[in-house]
Amino acid sequence: MKKIYFSLVVSILIFFAGEIFAQPQPPVLIDPCGLTNVELYPTFTWNPSANANRYHLQVFQGVNVVIDNSNITTPSYTVVSAVLTNNTTYYWQVRASSNGGVTWSGWSSTCTFTTVSQGPGIPNLVNPRMIQ
């Protein structure tokens, strides 16, 4: 009887450990992906991974990491500070965790986007007369 009970307890522990520590699949990126003229404060979106409760977003410009946030709890992230620059190509990727960041999925595929060109400068007035 003790062997059966022990075997049952071990089976339950293995089952729950597998559920707790199972790695989710890498997310599928949605937006911005392959776009140009992206504003400097975009919202990154991806499909949620089954059982994921945390996401890790990385945005690169060349080899430089400009965004590295591993504490995202929804399948989107909006840039809220001035970290992107005009007329620049960026690369981004996301990975998912189902246990609060203890283990992570592999990285998603990488998407690129290019930000808007700088707008026109301040006009130079050549005749300060008021137009009537």
C-alpha atoms as a PDB file:
ATOM      1  CA  MET A   1       0.000   0.000   0.000  1.00  0.00           C
ATOM      2  CA  LYS A   2       2.853   2.402   0.805  1.00  0.00           C
ATOM      3  CA  LYS A   3       4.370   1.761  -2.642  1.00  0.00           C
ATOM      4  CA  ILE A   4       1.091   2.640  -4.370  1.00  0.00           C
ATOM      5  CA  TYR A   5       0.657   5.770  -2.273  1.00  0.00           C
ATOM      6  CA  PHE A   6       4.273   6.825  -2.880  1.00  0.00           C
ATOM      7  CA  SER A   7       3.939   6.149  -6.610  1.00  0.00           C
ATOM      8  CA  LEU A   8       0.743   8.212  -6.764  1.00  0.00           C
ATOM      9  CA  VAL A   9       2.322  11.156  -4.911  1.00  0.00           C
ATOM     10  CA  VAL A  10       5.388  11.086  -7.187  1.00  0.00           C
ATOM     11  CA  SER A  11       3.167  10.989 -10.295  1.00  0.00           C
ATOM     12  CA  ILE A  12       1.164  13.990  -9.082  1.00  0.00           C
ATOM     13  CA  LEU A  13       4.323  15.954  -8.278  1.00  0.00           C
ATOM     14  CA  ILE A  14       5.819  15.187 -11.684  1.00  0.00           C
ATOM     15  CA  PHE A  15       2.586  16.243 -13.384  1.00  0.00           C
ATOM     16  CA  PHE A  16       2.387  19.583 -11.557  1.00  0.00           C
ATOM     17  CA  ALA A  17       6.112  20.247 -11.901  1.00  0.00           C
ATOM     18  CA  GLY A  18       5.750  19.705 -15.639  1.00  0.00           C
ATOM     19  CA  GLU A  19       2.847  22.154 -15.748  1.00  0.00           C
ATOM     20  CA  ILE A  20       4.629  24.757 -13.639  1.00  0.00           C
ATOM     21  CA  PHE A  21       7.984  24.578 -15.395  1.00  0.00           C
ATOM     22  CA  ALA A  22       6.810  23.868 -18.945  1.00  0.00           C
ATOM     23  CA  GLN A  23       8.203  26.386 -21.377  1.00  0.00           C
ATOM     24  CA  PRO A  24       5.681  28.128 -23.600  1.00  0.00           C
ATOM     25  CA  GLN A  25       6.206  28.359 -27.338  1.00  0.00           C
ATOM     26  CA  PRO A  26       7.945  31.467 -28.698  1.00  0.00           C
ATOM     27  CA  PRO A  27       5.436  34.241 -29.470  1.00  0.00           C
ATOM     28  CA  VAL A  28       4.521  35.152 -33.054  1.00  0.00           C
ATOM     29  CA  LEU A  29       5.195  38.836 -33.744  1.00  0.00           C
ATOM     30  CA  ILE A  30       2.417  40.951 -35.263  1.00  0.00           C
ATOM     31  CA  ASP A  31       3.238  44.653 -35.404  1.00  0.00           C
ATOM     32  CA  PRO A  32       5.347  46.548 -36.393  1.00  0.00           C
ATOM     33  CA  CYS A  33       6.768  43.961 -38.748  1.00  0.00           C
ATOM     34  CA  GLY A  34       8.316  44.974 -42.059  1.00  0.00           C
ATOM     35  CA  LEU A  35       6.829  48.471 -41.836  1.00  0.00           C
ATOM     36  CA  THR A  36       8.291  51.858 -42.697  1.00  0.00           C
ATOM     37  CA  ASN A  37       7.306  55.296 -41.409  1.00  0.00           C
ATOM     38  CA  VAL A  38       6.634  53.910 -37.925  1.00  0.00           C
ATOM     39  CA  GLU A  39       6.112  56.628 -35.305  1.00  0.00           C
ATOM     40  CA  LEU A  40       8.713  57.064 -32.550  1.00  0.00           C
ATOM     41  CA  TYR A  41       6.340  55.721 -29.862  1.00  0.00           C
ATOM     42  CA  PRO A  42       5.001  52.503 -31.412  1.00  0.00           C
ATOM     43  CA  THR A  43       3.049  49.721 -29.765  1.00  0.00           C
ATOM     44  CA  PHE A  44       4.666  46.313 -30.234  1.00  0.00           C
ATOM     45  CA  THR A  45       2.158  43.455 -30.409  1.00  0.00           C
ATOM     46  CA  TRP A  46       2.480  39.684 -30.625  1.00  0.00           C
ATOM     47  CA  ASN A  47       0.245  36.640 -30.298  1.00  0.00           C
ATOM     48  CA  PRO A  48       0.049  35.425 -26.714  1.00  0.00           C
ATOM     49  CA  SER A  49       1.800  32.145 -25.924  1.00  0.00           C
ATOM     50  CA  ALA A  50      -0.298  29.489 -24.197  1.00  0.00           C
ATOM     51  CA  ASN A  51       0.185  29.603 -20.408  1.00  0.00           C
ATOM     52  CA  ALA A  52       2.601  32.559 -20.598  1.00  0.00           C
ATOM     53  CA  ASN A  53       2.410  35.116 -17.811  1.00  0.00           C
ATOM     54  CA  ARG A  54       5.460  37.212 -18.663  1.00  0.00           C
ATOM     55  CA  TYR A  55       7.165  38.395 -21.839  1.00  0.00           C
ATOM     56  CA  HIS A  56      10.645  39.709 -22.604  1.00  0.00           C
ATOM     57  CA  LEU A  57      10.934  42.298 -25.399  1.00  0.00           C
ATOM     58  CA  GLN A  58      14.221  43.342 -26.960  1.00  0.00           C
ATOM     59  CA  VAL A  59      14.585  46.088 -29.573  1.00  0.00           C
ATOM     60  CA  PHE A  60      17.933  46.584 -31.330  1.00  0.00           C
ATOM     61  CA  GLN A  61      19.465  49.200 -33.571  1.00  0.00           C
ATOM     62  CA  GLY A  62      22.383  47.329 -35.093  1.00  0.00           C
ATOM     63  CA  VAL A  63      24.147  45.687 -32.141  1.00  0.00           C
ATOM     64  CA  ASN A  64      22.865  48.238 -29.631  1.00  0.00           C
ATOM     65  CA  VAL A  65      19.947  47.245 -27.407  1.00  0.00           C
ATOM     66  CA  VAL A  66      17.554  50.188 -27.064  1.00  0.00           C
ATOM     67  CA  ILE A  67      14.721  48.384 -25.226  1.00  0.00           C
ATOM     68  CA  ASP A  68      15.222  45.347 -22.959  1.00  0.00           C
ATOM     69  CA  ASN A  69      12.147  44.721 -20.814  1.00  0.00           C
ATOM     70  CA  SER A  70      11.531  41.296 -19.258  1.00  0.00           C
ATOM     71  CA  ASN A  71       8.624  42.269 -17.030  1.00  0.00           C
ATOM     72  CA  ILE A  72       5.770  42.606 -19.544  1.00  0.00           C
ATOM     73  CA  THR A  73       2.561  40.815 -18.528  1.00  0.00           C
ATOM     74  CA  THR A  74       0.456  41.362 -21.675  1.00  0.00           C
ATOM     75  CA  PRO A  75       1.175  40.551 -25.340  1.00  0.00           C
ATOM     76  CA  SER A  76       1.905  44.195 -26.178  1.00  0.00           C
ATOM     77  CA  TYR A  77       4.202  47.015 -25.161  1.00  0.00           C
ATOM     78  CA  THR A  78       4.005  50.731 -25.962  1.00  0.00           C
ATOM     79  CA  VAL A  79       7.150  52.844 -26.064  1.00  0.00           C
ATOM     80  CA  VAL A  80       6.671  55.710 -23.610  1.00  0.00           C
ATOM     81  CA  SER A  81      10.108  57.359 -23.564  1.00  0.00           C
ATOM     82  CA  ALA A  82      12.270  58.833 -26.309  1.00  0.00           C
ATOM     83  CA  VAL A  83      14.499  55.854 -27.119  1.00  0.00           C
ATOM     84  CA  LEU A  84      13.859  55.589 -30.883  1.00  0.00           C
ATOM     85  CA  THR A  85      15.214  58.032 -33.454  1.00  0.00           C
ATOM     86  CA  ASN A  86      13.981  59.194 -36.847  1.00  0.00           C
ATOM     87  CA  ASN A  87      14.773  57.351 -40.086  1.00  0.00           C
ATOM     88  CA  THR A  88      16.340  54.363 -38.328  1.00  0.00           C
ATOM     89  CA  THR A  89      15.854  50.635 -38.872  1.00  0.00           C
ATOM     90  CA  TYR A  90      15.226  48.567 -35.750  1.00  0.00           C
ATOM     91  CA  TYR A  91      14.961  44.827 -35.079  1.00  0.00           C
ATOM     92  CA  TRP A  92      12.797  43.310 -32.351  1.00  0.00           C
ATOM     93  CA  GLN A  93      12.070  39.939 -30.764  1.00  0.00           C
ATOM     94  CA  VAL A  94      10.069  38.524 -27.864  1.00  0.00           C
ATOM     95  CA  ARG A  95      10.208  35.427 -25.668  1.00  0.00           C
ATOM     96  CA  ALA A  96       7.684  34.105 -23.132  1.00  0.00           C
ATOM     97  CA  SER A  97       7.721  32.627 -19.643  1.00  0.00           C
ATOM     98  CA  SER A  98       5.001  30.626 -17.918  1.00  0.00           C
ATOM     99  CA  ASN A  99       6.531  30.715 -14.443  1.00  0.00           C
ATOM    100  CA  GLY A 100       7.361  34.330 -13.783  1.00  0.00           C
ATOM    101  CA  GLY A 101      10.683  34.394 -15.584  1.00  0.00           C
ATOM    102  CA  VAL A 102      12.321  31.266 -14.135  1.00  0.00           C
ATOM    103  CA  THR A 103      12.447  29.573 -17.540  1.00  0.00           C
ATOM    104  CA  TRP A 104      11.897  31.177 -20.937  1.00  0.00           C
ATOM    105  CA  SER A 105      10.831  30.025 -24.370  1.00  0.00           C
ATOM    106  CA  GLY A 106      13.201  30.470 -27.253  1.00  0.00           C
ATOM    107  CA  TRP A 107      13.164  33.861 -28.951  1.00  0.00           C
ATOM    108  CA  SER A 108      10.539  34.618 -31.570  1.00  0.00           C
ATOM    109  CA  SER A 109      11.566  35.261 -35.134  1.00  0.00           C
ATOM    110  CA  THR A 110      12.913  38.780 -35.612  1.00  0.00           C
ATOM    111  CA  CYS A 111      10.942  41.610 -37.234  1.00  0.00           C
ATOM    112  CA  THR A 112      12.263  44.876 -38.583  1.00  0.00           C
ATOM    113  CA  PHE A 113      10.733  48.326 -38.906  1.00  0.00           C
ATOM    114  CA  THR A 114      11.959  51.766 -39.896  1.00  0.00           C
ATOM    115  CA  THR A 115      10.903  54.932 -38.113  1.00  0.00           C
ATOM    116  CA  VAL A 116       9.558  58.060 -39.802  1.00  0.00           C
ATOM    117  CA  SER A 117      11.915  60.516 -41.439  1.00  0.00           C
ATOM    118  CA  GLN A 118      12.418  63.733 -39.585  1.00  0.00           C
ATOM    119  CA  GLY A 119       9.754  66.279 -40.395  1.00  0.00           C
ATOM    120  CA  PRO A 120      10.476  69.655 -41.963  1.00  0.00           C
ATOM    121  CA  GLY A 121      12.475  72.099 -39.902  1.00  0.00           C
ATOM    122  CA  ILE A 122      11.309  75.432 -38.570  1.00  0.00           C
ATOM    123  CA  PRO A 123      10.569  77.778 -41.455  1.00  0.00           C
ATOM    124  CA  ASN A 124      12.874  80.745 -41.989  1.00  0.00           C
ATOM    125  CA  LEU A 125      10.866  83.947 -42.426  1.00  0.00           C
ATOM    126  CA  VAL A 126      12.268  86.190 -45.140  1.00  0.00           C
ATOM    127  CA  ASN A 127       9.717  88.976 -44.854  1.00  0.00           C
ATOM    128  CA  PRO A 128       8.375  89.681 -41.366  1.00  0.00           C
ATOM    129  CA  ARG A 129       5.582  91.952 -42.664  1.00  0.00           C
ATOM    130  CA  MET A 130       2.122  90.970 -41.594  1.00  0.00           C
ATOM    131  CA  ILE A 131      -0.098  89.871 -44.413  1.00  0.00           C
ATOM    132  CA  GLN A 132      -3.383  91.724 -44.473  1.00  0.00           C
END
